[in-house]
Amino acid sequence: MKWRLFFGTARAVVFLAGLALPVRAQRVKMPINNRVIINYVDYVVYAHVLPADEHKRTLPSEAHFYYWFSANDIKKTRGGYDGKLLHGLYTAYYPNKNLKEKGALRYGLKHGVWKSWHLNGEIREIIGWRKKGKWGSFRQYSPEGVLQQKGTYREEKLHGKTTVYGPSGEREKRRYRNGQLVPKKEKKKKKKKRERKLRQSADPVPQTQPAAQSTQPADPAQPAPQSKGRKRRAAQAAKLQADTTVAGQPPAPPQTPAAGPTAGENGKKRKVRSKRTRKAAPAAENSLPDAAPEPPEAKKQKRARKKQPQPGT
């Protein structure tokens, strides 16, 4: 019973501690809201500024434009500021509550993707920003929502391929390098084609009628066209014949293959003679043609005589 009472008390303490944690977290001091609202004639801006203690860490650079807040207005100056730097989300609205511009700033500099809209709600521009200015791809649209231009920026300068679209759908491709337009290279025509065109323009060739096809049969005495292999073999044979006639020897007659069994005849392969049969072949040729082979009974008698024991052994 004591152990059960102990474990029950422990569980109750843990449960009460868990309930007390959220209540204690609400007592933490919340950060001060640094949002400012600026009312202009055509639009309203909601922006966030950097706290006062953070400005000491920011050292301005002469190469950048800084956005800062002072006297209920947003200023833009290069290389310095004299107020509170914008830091955080930036949103601008038209009088009809439509979005005008939206993005983020980091220590007074635009950062990330920024979007802007026309008064009717269509997208006006999508562009990327970095510390060094405009950077990356961008797109510009008309009030009707039609794409007008797309390309890339690098350090606030057009760089790379840029496409401009006309009102009727035609497009023009341009190439920029560090903000300067690169002229198009003229395509080099080949010399032969150019000379041929000049020759044709100077001396026009008269048009001739195509020749009528002959309907006469081919001459049987005329040799048929030969392939390259046959021509080469015929030339080698003629050269060999000429060399033998020059040396004073009559030309050798053309060798014809022997009419023996081949690998493809009757589906049987040619038998290869062994060394034993090759040696025995000349002896068989020198033997008399009329000599009869020895009968098998005589061979048996010779073997029996050899197996009989000889006298004196």
Protein backbone atom coordinates (compact mmCIF):
# COMPACT_ATOMS: atom_id res chain seq x y z
CA MET A 1 0.00 0.00 0.00
CA LYS A 2 2.85 2.37 0.84
CA TRP A 3 4.46 1.84 -2.57
CA ARG A 4 1.20 2.47 -4.40
CA LEU A 5 0.67 5.66 -2.43
CA PHE A 6 4.21 6.81 -3.24
CA PHE A 7 3.88 6.22 -7.00
CA GLY A 8 0.48 7.90 -7.07
CA THR A 9 1.87 11.00 -5.38
CA ALA A 10 4.82 11.15 -7.80
CA ARG A 11 2.52 11.01 -10.83
CA ALA A 12 0.38 13.81 -9.43
CA VAL A 13 3.46 16.01 -8.91
CA VAL A 14 4.66 15.43 -12.49
CA PHE A 15 1.19 16.23 -13.87
CA LEU A 16 0.97 19.51 -11.93
CA ALA A 17 4.48 20.52 -13.07
CA GLY A 18 3.45 20.00 -16.70
CA LEU A 19 0.46 22.25 -16.24
CA ALA A 20 2.58 24.95 -14.68
CA LEU A 21 5.14 25.12 -17.54
CA PRO A 22 2.90 26.91 -20.11
CA VAL A 23 1.74 29.39 -17.49
CA ARG A 24 5.33 30.21 -16.63
CA ALA A 25 6.28 30.60 -20.33
CA GLN A 26 3.68 33.33 -20.75
CA ARG A 27 5.47 35.43 -18.18
CA VAL A 28 8.58 35.73 -20.42
CA LYS A 29 9.11 39.29 -21.61
CA MET A 30 7.97 39.54 -25.26
CA PRO A 31 10.03 41.59 -27.77
CA ILE A 32 8.80 45.07 -28.67
CA ASN A 33 6.91 45.32 -31.95
CA ASN A 34 9.14 47.23 -34.43
CA ARG A 35 6.57 47.61 -37.22
CA VAL A 36 5.93 51.03 -38.74
CA ILE A 37 3.05 52.20 -40.96
CA ILE A 38 3.53 54.96 -43.53
CA ASN A 39 0.56 56.43 -45.41
CA TYR A 40 1.27 57.85 -48.84
CA VAL A 41 -1.15 59.34 -51.34
CA ASP A 42 -1.18 56.32 -53.66
CA TYR A 43 -0.33 53.44 -51.29
CA VAL A 44 0.30 52.36 -47.71
CA VAL A 45 3.49 50.68 -46.45
CA TYR A 46 3.84 48.23 -43.57
CA ALA A 47 7.51 47.66 -42.70
CA HIS A 48 9.75 46.52 -39.85
CA VAL A 49 12.75 48.43 -38.55
CA LEU A 50 15.92 47.30 -36.81
CA PRO A 51 16.07 47.75 -33.02
CA ALA A 52 18.20 50.63 -31.73
CA ASP A 53 20.85 48.39 -30.13
CA GLU A 54 21.48 46.59 -33.45
CA HIS A 55 22.50 49.67 -35.43
CA LYS A 56 25.95 49.77 -33.85
CA ARG A 57 26.83 46.45 -35.52
CA THR A 58 26.00 47.69 -39.05
CA LEU A 59 28.81 49.37 -40.99
CA PRO A 60 27.49 50.99 -44.21
CA SER A 61 29.25 50.47 -47.52
CA GLU A 62 29.48 53.08 -50.28
CA ALA A 63 28.59 50.48 -52.90
CA HIS A 64 25.02 49.86 -51.64
CA PHE A 65 21.74 51.72 -51.25
CA TYR A 66 20.22 51.58 -47.75
CA TYR A 67 16.52 51.89 -46.89
CA TRP A 68 15.84 53.53 -43.52
CA PHE A 69 12.94 55.09 -41.64
CA SER A 70 12.83 58.64 -40.25
CA ALA A 71 10.15 61.35 -39.76
CA ASN A 72 7.34 59.00 -40.81
CA ASP A 73 8.95 58.38 -44.21
CA ILE A 74 11.21 55.74 -45.83
CA LYS A 75 14.45 57.12 -47.21
CA LYS A 76 16.96 55.63 -49.67
CA THR A 77 20.62 56.72 -49.67
CA ARG A 78 23.92 55.25 -50.88
CA GLY A 79 26.69 54.49 -48.43
CA GLY A 80 24.95 55.66 -45.22
CA TYR A 81 21.77 56.30 -43.21
CA ASP A 82 20.51 58.54 -40.42
CA GLY A 83 17.58 56.74 -38.84
CA LYS A 84 16.30 53.22 -38.28
CA LEU A 85 17.25 50.66 -40.90
CA LEU A 86 14.46 48.56 -42.39
CA HIS A 87 14.88 44.96 -41.31
CA GLY A 88 12.22 42.33 -41.95
CA LEU A 89 9.07 42.04 -44.03
CA TYR A 90 8.05 44.94 -46.30
CA THR A 91 4.51 45.14 -47.75
CA ALA A 92 2.84 47.92 -49.74
CA TYR A 93 -0.88 48.15 -50.58
CA TYR A 94 -2.93 50.14 -53.08
CA PRO A 95 -5.91 52.19 -51.81
CA ASN A 96 -8.20 49.34 -52.98
CA LYS A 97 -6.26 46.98 -50.63
CA ASN A 98 -4.56 45.15 -53.51
CA LEU A 99 -0.89 44.26 -53.10
CA LYS A 100 1.55 46.72 -54.64
CA GLU A 101 4.94 45.34 -53.57
CA LYS A 102 6.18 42.64 -51.23
CA GLY A 103 9.61 41.46 -50.13
CA ALA A 104 12.12 41.39 -47.29
CA LEU A 105 15.04 43.57 -46.17
CA ARG A 106 18.10 42.66 -44.18
CA TYR A 107 19.92 45.49 -42.41
CA GLY A 108 18.54 48.08 -44.82
CA LEU A 109 19.26 46.06 -48.00
CA LYS A 110 16.74 44.26 -50.17
CA HIS A 111 17.15 40.51 -49.96
CA GLY A 112 15.52 37.50 -51.66
CA VAL A 113 12.67 37.48 -54.17
CA TRP A 114 10.59 40.65 -54.56
CA LYS A 115 7.23 40.81 -56.31
CA SER A 116 5.25 43.82 -57.51
CA TRP A 117 1.69 44.04 -58.89
CA HIS A 118 -0.35 46.33 -61.11
CA LEU A 119 -3.38 48.16 -59.78
CA ASN A 120 -5.72 45.55 -61.32
CA GLY A 121 -3.96 42.71 -59.45
CA GLU A 122 -1.81 41.34 -62.31
CA ILE A 123 1.85 40.64 -61.57
CA ARG A 124 4.13 43.44 -62.69
CA GLU A 125 7.63 42.12 -61.95
CA ILE A 126 9.42 39.23 -60.22
CA ILE A 127 13.08 39.83 -59.44
CA GLY A 128 15.78 38.60 -57.07
CA TRP A 129 17.98 40.71 -54.80
CA ARG A 130 21.25 40.16 -52.99
CA LYS A 131 23.61 42.29 -50.99
CA LYS A 132 25.20 43.58 -54.21
CA GLY A 133 21.85 44.52 -55.77
CA LYS A 134 19.69 42.86 -58.41
CA TRP A 135 20.83 39.31 -58.98
CA GLY A 136 19.37 36.33 -60.79
CA SER A 137 16.45 35.86 -63.15
CA PHE A 138 13.66 38.38 -63.59
CA ARG A 139 10.33 38.61 -65.42
CA GLN A 140 8.24 41.62 -66.40
CA TYR A 141 4.54 41.50 -67.31
CA SER A 142 2.06 43.92 -68.86
CA PRO A 143 -1.16 45.06 -67.09
CA GLU A 144 -2.96 42.35 -69.08
CA GLY A 145 -0.67 39.67 -67.63
CA VAL A 146 1.35 39.09 -70.83
CA LEU A 147 5.08 38.41 -70.50
CA GLN A 148 7.10 41.34 -71.87
CA GLN A 149 10.71 40.63 -70.92
CA LYS A 150 12.78 37.99 -69.15
CA GLY A 151 16.48 37.62 -68.47
CA THR A 152 19.12 37.68 -65.74
CA TYR A 153 20.85 40.32 -63.61
CA ARG A 154 24.27 40.27 -62.02
CA GLU A 155 25.25 43.07 -59.66
CA GLU A 156 22.38 45.27 -60.90
CA LYS A 157 23.47 44.84 -64.54
CA LEU A 158 21.93 42.81 -67.30
CA HIS A 159 24.10 39.80 -67.98
CA GLY A 160 23.45 36.86 -70.29
CA LYS A 161 20.50 36.11 -72.54
CA THR A 162 17.50 38.46 -72.48
CA THR A 163 14.28 37.94 -74.44
CA VAL A 164 11.93 40.82 -75.29
CA TYR A 165 8.37 39.99 -76.39
CA GLY A 166 6.38 42.27 -78.67
CA PRO A 167 2.66 43.06 -78.48
CA SER A 168 1.82 40.66 -81.33
CA GLY A 169 3.83 37.73 -79.92
CA GLU A 170 7.14 38.23 -81.76
CA ARG A 171 10.27 37.93 -79.67
CA GLU A 172 13.77 39.34 -79.90
CA LYS A 173 16.77 37.70 -78.26
CA ARG A 174 19.61 39.85 -76.96
CA ARG A 175 22.84 39.10 -75.16
CA TYR A 176 24.35 41.37 -72.51
CA ARG A 177 27.72 41.36 -70.82
CA ASN A 178 28.06 43.41 -67.63
CA GLY A 179 25.21 45.68 -68.71
CA GLN A 180 26.44 46.22 -72.30
CA LEU A 181 24.68 44.85 -75.35
CA VAL A 182 26.81 42.35 -77.27
CA PRO A 183 26.45 42.80 -81.06
CA LYS A 184 25.35 39.79 -83.05
CA LYS A 185 28.01 37.96 -85.01
CA GLU A 186 27.47 37.68 -88.76
CA LYS A 187 27.34 34.12 -89.95
CA LYS A 188 30.40 33.32 -92.06
CA LYS A 189 29.44 31.84 -95.39
CA LYS A 190 31.61 29.17 -96.89
CA LYS A 191 33.90 30.21 -99.72
CA LYS A 192 32.80 27.47 -102.06
CA LYS A 193 29.13 28.32 -101.80
CA ARG A 194 29.80 32.02 -102.30
CA GLU A 195 31.99 31.40 -105.34
CA ARG A 196 29.42 29.02 -106.80
CA LYS A 197 26.68 31.61 -106.44
CA LEU A 198 28.85 34.28 -108.07
CA ARG A 199 29.68 31.96 -110.94
CA GLN A 200 26.05 31.04 -111.48
CA SER A 201 24.99 34.68 -111.46
CA ALA A 202 27.76 35.61 -113.96
CA ASP A 203 27.34 32.65 -116.36
CA PRO A 204 23.86 31.20 -116.13
CA VAL A 205 23.74 27.59 -117.32
CA PRO A 206 21.09 27.01 -120.05
CA GLN A 207 18.51 24.43 -119.20
CA THR A 208 18.83 21.28 -121.31
CA GLN A 209 16.31 18.56 -121.84
CA PRO A 210 17.06 15.26 -120.12
CA ALA A 211 18.53 12.60 -122.40
CA ALA A 212 16.15 9.90 -123.54
CA GLN A 213 16.74 6.50 -121.99
CA SER A 214 18.00 3.88 -124.48
CA THR A 215 15.73 0.89 -124.97
CA GLN A 216 18.33 -1.27 -126.80
CA PRO A 217 19.36 -4.49 -125.05
CA ALA A 218 22.83 -4.69 -123.53
CA ASP A 219 25.66 -6.21 -125.59
CA PRO A 220 26.38 -9.78 -124.33
CA ALA A 221 30.03 -9.52 -125.46
CA GLN A 222 30.62 -6.57 -123.18
CA PRO A 223 32.01 -7.79 -119.82
CA ALA A 224 29.90 -7.25 -116.76
CA PRO A 225 31.21 -4.82 -114.14
CA GLN A 226 33.46 -6.49 -111.60
CA SER A 227 33.78 -5.82 -107.89
CA LYS A 228 36.94 -4.47 -106.27
CA GLY A 229 37.97 -7.87 -104.92
CA ARG A 230 37.70 -9.54 -108.31
CA LYS A 231 39.64 -6.74 -109.98
CA ARG A 232 42.41 -7.04 -107.38
CA ARG A 233 42.68 -10.82 -107.78
CA ALA A 234 42.73 -10.55 -111.58
CA ALA A 235 45.52 -7.95 -111.41
CA GLN A 236 47.58 -10.19 -109.09
CA ALA A 237 47.17 -13.18 -111.40
CA ALA A 238 48.19 -11.10 -114.46
CA LYS A 239 51.28 -9.81 -112.63
CA LEU A 240 52.31 -13.33 -111.60
CA GLN A 241 51.88 -14.59 -115.16
CA ALA A 242 53.99 -11.70 -116.53
CA ASP A 243 56.81 -12.44 -114.04
CA THR A 244 56.97 -16.12 -115.01
CA THR A 245 57.04 -15.36 -118.76
CA VAL A 246 59.88 -12.86 -118.29
CA ALA A 247 61.95 -15.45 -116.43
CA GLY A 248 61.64 -17.86 -119.42
CA GLN A 249 59.30 -20.33 -117.75
CA PRO A 250 55.94 -21.20 -119.23
CA PRO A 251 52.99 -19.98 -117.20
CA ALA A 252 51.60 -22.51 -114.79
CA PRO A 253 48.14 -23.82 -115.65
CA PRO A 254 45.37 -22.69 -113.37
CA GLN A 255 44.93 -25.09 -110.48
CA THR A 256 41.51 -26.57 -110.07
CA PRO A 257 40.40 -27.85 -106.70
CA ALA A 258 40.32 -31.62 -106.29
CA ALA A 259 36.93 -33.27 -106.43
CA GLY A 260 37.24 -34.81 -102.98
CA PRO A 261 34.75 -34.78 -100.17
CA THR A 262 34.32 -31.43 -98.47
CA ALA A 263 32.95 -30.39 -95.16
CA GLY A 264 29.55 -29.58 -96.63
CA GLU A 265 29.03 -32.69 -98.81
CA ASN A 266 26.50 -35.21 -97.44
CA GLY A 267 26.76 -33.53 -94.06
CA LYS A 268 30.09 -35.30 -93.28
CA LYS A 269 33.35 -33.70 -92.24
CA ARG A 270 36.66 -34.43 -93.95
CA LYS A 271 38.71 -37.01 -92.07
CA VAL A 272 42.16 -35.85 -90.96
CA ARG A 273 44.90 -38.40 -91.33
CA SER A 274 47.11 -39.03 -88.33
CA LYS A 275 50.93 -39.14 -88.45
CA ARG A 276 50.86 -42.96 -88.52
CA THR A 277 48.71 -43.08 -91.64
CA ARG A 278 50.80 -40.32 -93.29
CA LYS A 279 53.97 -42.42 -92.87
CA ALA A 280 52.28 -45.57 -94.08
CA ALA A 281 50.80 -43.89 -97.12
CA PRO A 282 54.01 -43.88 -99.32
CA ALA A 283 54.60 -47.57 -98.62
CA ALA A 284 51.11 -48.42 -99.74
CA GLU A 285 51.61 -46.43 -102.93
CA ASN A 286 54.87 -48.31 -103.79
CA SER A 287 53.28 -51.72 -103.21
CA LEU A 288 52.07 -53.75 -106.15
CA PRO A 289 48.53 -53.12 -107.16
CA ASP A 290 47.84 -56.88 -107.78
CA ALA A 291 48.97 -58.03 -104.29
CA ALA A 292 45.98 -59.51 -102.46
CA PRO A 293 45.45 -58.70 -98.81
CA GLU A 294 46.31 -61.40 -96.23
CA PRO A 295 43.25 -63.40 -95.12
CA PRO A 296 42.17 -63.10 -91.46
CA GLU A 297 42.69 -66.88 -90.83
CA ALA A 298 46.40 -66.60 -91.63
CA LYS A 299 46.72 -63.72 -89.18
CA LYS A 300 45.13 -65.86 -86.44
CA GLN A 301 47.56 -68.74 -87.13
CA LYS A 302 50.56 -66.38 -86.84
CA ARG A 303 49.33 -65.07 -83.49
CA ALA A 304 48.83 -68.66 -82.20
CA ARG A 305 52.38 -69.63 -83.21
CA LYS A 306 53.84 -66.65 -81.38
CA LYS A 307 51.94 -67.58 -78.20
CA GLN A 308 53.24 -71.27 -78.26
CA PRO A 309 56.31 -71.86 -76.07
CA GLN A 310 59.51 -72.37 -78.08
CA PRO A 311 61.73 -75.40 -77.37
CA GLY A 312 64.63 -74.82 -75.05
CA THR A 313 62.83 -72.23 -72.92
